[in-house]
PDB file of N, CA and C in Angstrom:
ATOM      1  N   MET A   1      14.753  12.292  36.883  1.00  0.00           N
ATOM      2  CA  MET A   1      13.804  12.042  35.916  1.00  0.00           C
ATOM      3  C   MET A   1      14.530  12.470  34.385  1.00  0.00           C
ATOM      4  N   ASN A   2      15.238  13.387  34.197  1.00  0.00           N
ATOM      5  CA  ASN A   2      15.971  13.512  33.052  1.00  0.00           C
ATOM      6  C   ASN A   2      16.923  12.153  32.727  1.00  0.00           C
ATOM      7  N   GLN A   3      17.536  11.618  33.646  1.00  0.00           N
ATOM      8  CA  GLN A   3      18.363  10.436  33.436  1.00  0.00           C
ATOM      9  C   GLN A   3      16.965   9.160  32.598  1.00  0.00           C
ATOM     10  N   LEU A   4      16.235   9.020  33.241  1.00  0.00           N
ATOM     11  CA  LEU A   4      14.947   8.227  32.871  1.00  0.00           C
ATOM     12  C   LEU A   4      14.658   8.248  31.383  1.00  0.00           C
ATOM     13  N   PHE A   5      14.489   9.886  31.254  1.00  0.00           N
ATOM     14  CA  PHE A   5      14.017  10.158  29.899  1.00  0.00           C
ATOM     15  C   PHE A   5      15.425   9.651  28.774  1.00  0.00           C
ATOM     16  N   LEU A   6      16.407   9.917  28.848  1.00  0.00           N
ATOM     17  CA  LEU A   6      17.490   9.691  28.186  1.00  0.00           C
ATOM     18  C   LEU A   6      17.720   7.847  27.857  1.00  0.00           C
ATOM     19  N   ASP A   7      17.434   7.408  29.193  1.00  0.00           N
ATOM     20  CA  ASP A   7      17.597   5.724  29.046  1.00  0.00           C
ATOM     21  C   ASP A   7      16.320   5.288  28.025  1.00  0.00           C
ATOM     22  N   TYR A   8      15.224   5.837  28.022  1.00  0.00           N
ATOM     23  CA  TYR A   8      14.255   5.178  27.178  1.00  0.00           C
ATOM     24  C   TYR A   8      14.307   6.034  25.695  1.00  0.00           C
ATOM     25  N   LEU A   9      14.923   6.972  25.381  1.00  0.00           N
ATOM     26  CA  LEU A   9      14.874   7.725  24.340  1.00  0.00           C
ATOM     27  C   LEU A   9      15.204   7.287  23.102  1.00  0.00           C
ATOM     28  N   PRO A  10      15.981   5.977  22.888  1.00  0.00           N
ATOM     29  CA  PRO A  10      16.470   5.164  21.781  1.00  0.00           C
ATOM     30  C   PRO A  10      14.947   4.252  21.754  1.00  0.00           C
ATOM     31  N   ILE A  11      14.541   3.689  22.323  1.00  0.00           N
ATOM     32  CA  ILE A  11      13.423   2.851  22.289  1.00  0.00           C
ATOM     33  C   ILE A  11      12.175   3.954  21.797  1.00  0.00           C
ATOM     34  N   VAL A  12      11.844   4.990  22.347  1.00  0.00           N
ATOM     35  CA  VAL A  12      11.119   5.852  21.589  1.00  0.00           C
ATOM     36  C   VAL A  12      11.585   6.296  20.238  1.00  0.00           C
ATOM     37  N   VAL A  13      12.392   6.531  19.763  1.00  0.00           N
ATOM     38  CA  VAL A  13      12.470   7.016  18.645  1.00  0.00           C
ATOM     39  C   VAL A  13      12.387   5.641  17.664  1.00  0.00           C
ATOM     40  N   PHE A  14      12.913   4.444  18.009  1.00  0.00           N
ATOM     41  CA  PHE A  14      12.845   3.297  17.216  1.00  0.00           C
ATOM     42  C   PHE A  14      11.181   2.822  17.164  1.00  0.00           C
ATOM     43  N   LEU A  15      10.626   2.956  17.841  1.00  0.00           N
ATOM     44  CA  LEU A  15       8.980   2.819  17.571  1.00  0.00           C
ATOM     45  C   LEU A  15       8.673   3.802  17.139  1.00  0.00           C
ATOM     46  N   ALA A  16       9.041   5.130  16.917  1.00  0.00           N
ATOM     47  CA  ALA A  16       8.605   6.137  16.032  1.00  0.00           C
ATOM     48  C   ALA A  16       8.766   5.946  14.823  1.00  0.00           C
ATOM     49  N   VAL A  17      10.076   5.396  14.304  1.00  0.00           N
ATOM     50  CA  VAL A  17      10.284   5.136  12.772  1.00  0.00           C
ATOM     51  C   VAL A  17       9.723   3.572  12.566  1.00  0.00           C
ATOM     52  N   CYS A  18       9.608   2.691  13.330  1.00  0.00           N
ATOM     53  CA  CYS A  18       8.815   1.616  12.817  1.00  0.00           C
ATOM     54  C   CYS A  18       7.266   2.200  12.696  1.00  0.00           C
ATOM     55  N   LEU A  19       6.605   3.046  13.434  1.00  0.00           N
ATOM     56  CA  LEU A  19       5.269   3.355  13.089  1.00  0.00           C
ATOM     57  C   LEU A  19       5.280   4.221  11.835  1.00  0.00           C
ATOM     58  N   GLY A  20       6.209   4.839  11.639  1.00  0.00           N
ATOM     59  CA  GLY A  20       6.080   5.778  10.372  1.00  0.00           C
ATOM     60  C   GLY A  20       6.531   4.929   9.266  1.00  0.00           C
ATOM     61  N   LEU A  21       7.457   4.205   9.568  1.00  0.00           N
ATOM     62  CA  LEU A  21       7.478   2.850   8.233  1.00  0.00           C
ATOM     63  C   LEU A  21       6.213   2.292   7.996  1.00  0.00           C
ATOM     64  N   GLY A  22       5.617   2.036   8.832  1.00  0.00           N
ATOM     65  CA  GLY A  22       4.395   0.927   8.808  1.00  0.00           C
ATOM     66  C   GLY A  22       3.244   1.738   8.133  1.00  0.00           C
ATOM     67  N   ILE A  23       3.183   3.093   8.460  1.00  0.00           N
ATOM     68  CA  ILE A  23       1.727   4.015   7.753  1.00  0.00           C
ATOM     69  C   ILE A  23       2.232   4.317   6.454  1.00  0.00           C
ATOM     70  N   ALA A  24       3.828   4.375   6.044  1.00  0.00           N
ATOM     71  CA  ALA A  24       4.227   4.741   4.577  1.00  0.00           C
ATOM     72  C   ALA A  24       3.852   3.440   3.954  1.00  0.00           C
ATOM     73  N   LEU A  25       4.415   2.212   4.557  1.00  0.00           N
ATOM     74  CA  LEU A  25       4.006   1.273   3.491  1.00  0.00           C
ATOM     75  C   LEU A  25       2.519   0.686   3.392  1.00  0.00           C
ATOM     76  N   MET A  26       1.626   1.179   4.219  1.00  0.00           N
ATOM     77  CA  MET A  26       0.268   0.581   3.918  1.00  0.00           C
ATOM     78  C   MET A  26      -0.515   1.960   2.834  1.00  0.00           C
ATOM     79  N   ALA A  27       0.322   3.084   3.409  1.00  0.00           N
ATOM     80  CA  ALA A  27      -0.480   4.264   2.233  1.00  0.00           C
ATOM     81  C   ALA A  27       0.204   4.105   0.706  1.00  0.00           C
ATOM     82  N   ALA A  28       1.351   3.789   0.568  1.00  0.00           N
ATOM     83  CA  ALA A  28       2.057   3.760  -0.796  1.00  0.00           C
ATOM     84  C   ALA A  28       1.125   3.110  -1.758  1.00  0.00           C
ATOM     85  N   PRO A  29       0.409   1.848  -1.362  1.00  0.00           N
ATOM     86  CA  PRO A  29      -0.372   1.228  -2.596  1.00  0.00           C
ATOM     87  C   PRO A  29      -1.346   2.309  -3.314  1.00  0.00           C
ATOM     88  N   PHE A  30      -2.129   2.802  -2.065  1.00  0.00           N
ATOM     89  CA  PHE A  30      -3.070   3.914  -2.329  1.00  0.00           C
ATOM     90  C   PHE A  30      -2.726   5.165  -3.346  1.00  0.00           C
ATOM     91  N   LEU A  31      -1.350   5.700  -2.959  1.00  0.00           N
ATOM     92  CA  LEU A  31      -0.723   6.617  -3.602  1.00  0.00           C
ATOM     93  C   LEU A  31      -0.372   6.316  -5.403  1.00  0.00           C
ATOM     94  N   ILE A  32       0.199   5.137  -5.539  1.00  0.00           N
ATOM     95  CA  ILE A  32       0.863   4.666  -6.459  1.00  0.00           C
ATOM     96  C   ILE A  32      -0.009   3.934  -7.203  1.00  0.00           C
ATOM     97  N   ALA A  33      -1.391   3.581  -7.133  1.00  0.00           N
ATOM     98  CA  ALA A  33      -2.226   2.733  -7.802  1.00  0.00           C
ATOM     99  C   ALA A  33      -2.674   3.702  -8.877  1.00  0.00           C
ATOM    100  N   VAL A  34      -2.963   2.685  -9.974  1.00  0.00           N
ATOM    101  CA  VAL A  34      -3.697   3.493 -11.053  1.00  0.00           C
ATOM    102  C   VAL A  34      -4.981   3.978 -10.946  1.00  0.00           C
ATOM    103  N   GLN A  35      -5.353   5.418 -11.387  1.00  0.00           N
ATOM    104  CA  GLN A  35      -6.348   6.004 -10.826  1.00  0.00           C
ATOM    105  C   GLN A  35      -7.493   5.761 -11.917  1.00  0.00           C
ATOM    106  N   ASN A  36      -7.080   5.927 -13.135  1.00  0.00           N
ATOM    107  CA  ASN A  36      -8.101   5.530 -14.080  1.00  0.00           C
ATOM    108  C   ASN A  36      -7.751   4.189 -14.812  1.00  0.00           C
ATOM    109  N   PRO A  37      -8.549   3.389 -14.575  1.00  0.00           N
ATOM    110  CA  PRO A  37      -7.974   1.752 -14.950  1.00  0.00           C
ATOM    111  C   PRO A  37      -8.777   1.704 -16.326  1.00  0.00           C
ATOM    112  N   ASP A  38      -8.294   0.915 -17.472  1.00  0.00           N
ATOM    113  CA  ASP A  38      -8.670   0.594 -18.702  1.00  0.00           C
ATOM    114  C   ASP A  38     -10.020   0.003 -18.207  1.00  0.00           C
ATOM    115  N   PRO A  39     -11.411   0.432 -19.201  1.00  0.00           N
ATOM    116  CA  PRO A  39     -12.616  -0.363 -18.642  1.00  0.00           C
ATOM    117  C   PRO A  39     -12.426  -1.774 -19.301  1.00  0.00           C
ATOM    118  N   GLU A  40     -12.058  -2.141 -20.284  1.00  0.00           N
ATOM    119  CA  GLU A  40     -11.985  -3.233 -20.718  1.00  0.00           C
ATOM    120  C   GLU A  40     -11.141  -4.278 -19.794  1.00  0.00           C
ATOM    121  N   LYS A  41     -10.389  -3.650 -19.231  1.00  0.00           N
ATOM    122  CA  LYS A  41      -9.664  -4.312 -18.033  1.00  0.00           C
ATOM    123  C   LYS A  41     -10.053  -4.952 -16.761  1.00  0.00           C
ATOM    124  N   VAL A  42     -10.850  -4.360 -16.459  1.00  0.00           N
ATOM    125  CA  VAL A  42     -11.779  -4.152 -15.148  1.00  0.00           C
ATOM    126  C   VAL A  42     -13.112  -4.702 -15.270  1.00  0.00           C
ATOM    127  N   SER A  43     -13.286  -5.270 -16.885  1.00  0.00           N
ATOM    128  CA  SER A  43     -15.091  -5.632 -16.924  1.00  0.00           C
ATOM    129  C   SER A  43     -14.870  -6.781 -16.279  1.00  0.00           C
ATOM    130  N   PRO A  44     -16.205  -7.238 -15.580  1.00  0.00           N
ATOM    131  CA  PRO A  44     -16.192  -8.442 -15.352  1.00  0.00           C
ATOM    132  C   PRO A  44     -16.364  -9.802 -16.262  1.00  0.00           C
ATOM    133  N   THR A  45     -15.759 -10.778 -16.275  1.00  0.00           N
ATOM    134  CA  THR A  45     -15.950 -11.725 -17.324  1.00  0.00           C
ATOM    135  C   THR A  45     -16.616 -13.298 -16.780  1.00  0.00           C
ATOM    136  N   SER A  46     -17.050 -13.981 -17.427  1.00  0.00           N
ATOM    137  CA  SER A  46     -17.509 -15.470 -16.521  1.00  0.00           C
ATOM    138  C   SER A  46     -16.963 -16.370 -17.466  1.00  0.00           C
ATOM    139  N   ALA A  47     -16.834 -17.588 -17.086  1.00  0.00           N
ATOM    140  CA  ALA A  47     -16.217 -18.712 -17.829  1.00  0.00           C
ATOM    141  C   ALA A  47     -17.300 -19.320 -19.013  1.00  0.00           C
ATOM    142  N   GLY A  48     -16.225 -19.290 -20.496  1.00  0.00           N
ATOM    143  CA  GLY A  48     -17.222 -19.672 -21.309  1.00  0.00           C
ATOM    144  C   GLY A  48     -17.588 -18.506 -22.448  1.00  0.00           C
ATOM    145  N   SER A  49     -17.576 -17.464 -21.471  1.00  0.00           N
ATOM    146  CA  SER A  49     -17.703 -16.265 -22.734  1.00  0.00           C
ATOM    147  C   SER A  49     -16.439 -15.996 -23.410  1.00  0.00           C
ATOM    148  N   THR A  50     -16.683 -15.546 -24.558  1.00  0.00           N
ATOM    149  CA  THR A  50     -15.955 -14.792 -25.699  1.00  0.00           C
ATOM    150  C   THR A  50     -15.295 -13.822 -25.156  1.00  0.00           C
ATOM    151  N   PRO A  51     -14.198 -13.353 -25.226  1.00  0.00           N
ATOM    152  CA  PRO A  51     -13.429 -11.923 -25.527  1.00  0.00           C
ATOM    153  C   PRO A  51     -13.869 -11.129 -26.365  1.00  0.00           C
ATOM    154  N   SER A  52     -13.923  -9.913 -25.704  1.00  0.00           N
ATOM    155  CA  SER A  52     -14.353  -8.668 -26.726  1.00  0.00           C
ATOM    156  C   SER A  52     -13.332  -8.683 -27.758  1.00  0.00           C
ATOM    157  N   THR A  53     -12.140  -8.618 -27.664  1.00  0.00           N
ATOM    158  CA  THR A  53     -11.157  -8.778 -28.786  1.00  0.00           C
ATOM    159  C   THR A  53     -10.636  -9.885 -28.636  1.00  0.00           C
ATOM    160  N   THR A  54     -10.299 -10.505 -29.947  1.00  0.00           N
ATOM    161  CA  THR A  54      -9.576 -11.791 -30.292  1.00  0.00           C
ATOM    162  C   THR A  54      -8.721 -11.448 -31.382  1.00  0.00           C
ATOM    163  N   ARG A  55      -7.399 -11.943 -31.045  1.00  0.00           N
ATOM    164  CA  ARG A  55      -6.472 -12.066 -31.800  1.00  0.00           C
ATOM    165  C   ARG A  55      -6.220 -13.539 -32.166  1.00  0.00           C
ATOM    166  N   ALA A  56      -6.327 -13.451 -33.894  1.00  0.00           N
ATOM    167  CA  ALA A  56      -6.171 -14.659 -34.550  1.00  0.00           C
ATOM    168  C   ALA A  56      -4.831 -15.164 -34.980  1.00  0.00           C
TER     169      ALA A  56
END
């Protein structure tokens, strides 16, 4: 039984590392994202509307 465990230990470690990396990569955008975005940047626009700030 102990030899069987030692034979599969590298596979179990590899799967654990892959699972941890996958979870970290999926959680990273939520942790890094801007929490209070600029209201003007996220406001909806439609085609043909004039922007609220114009630069000449």
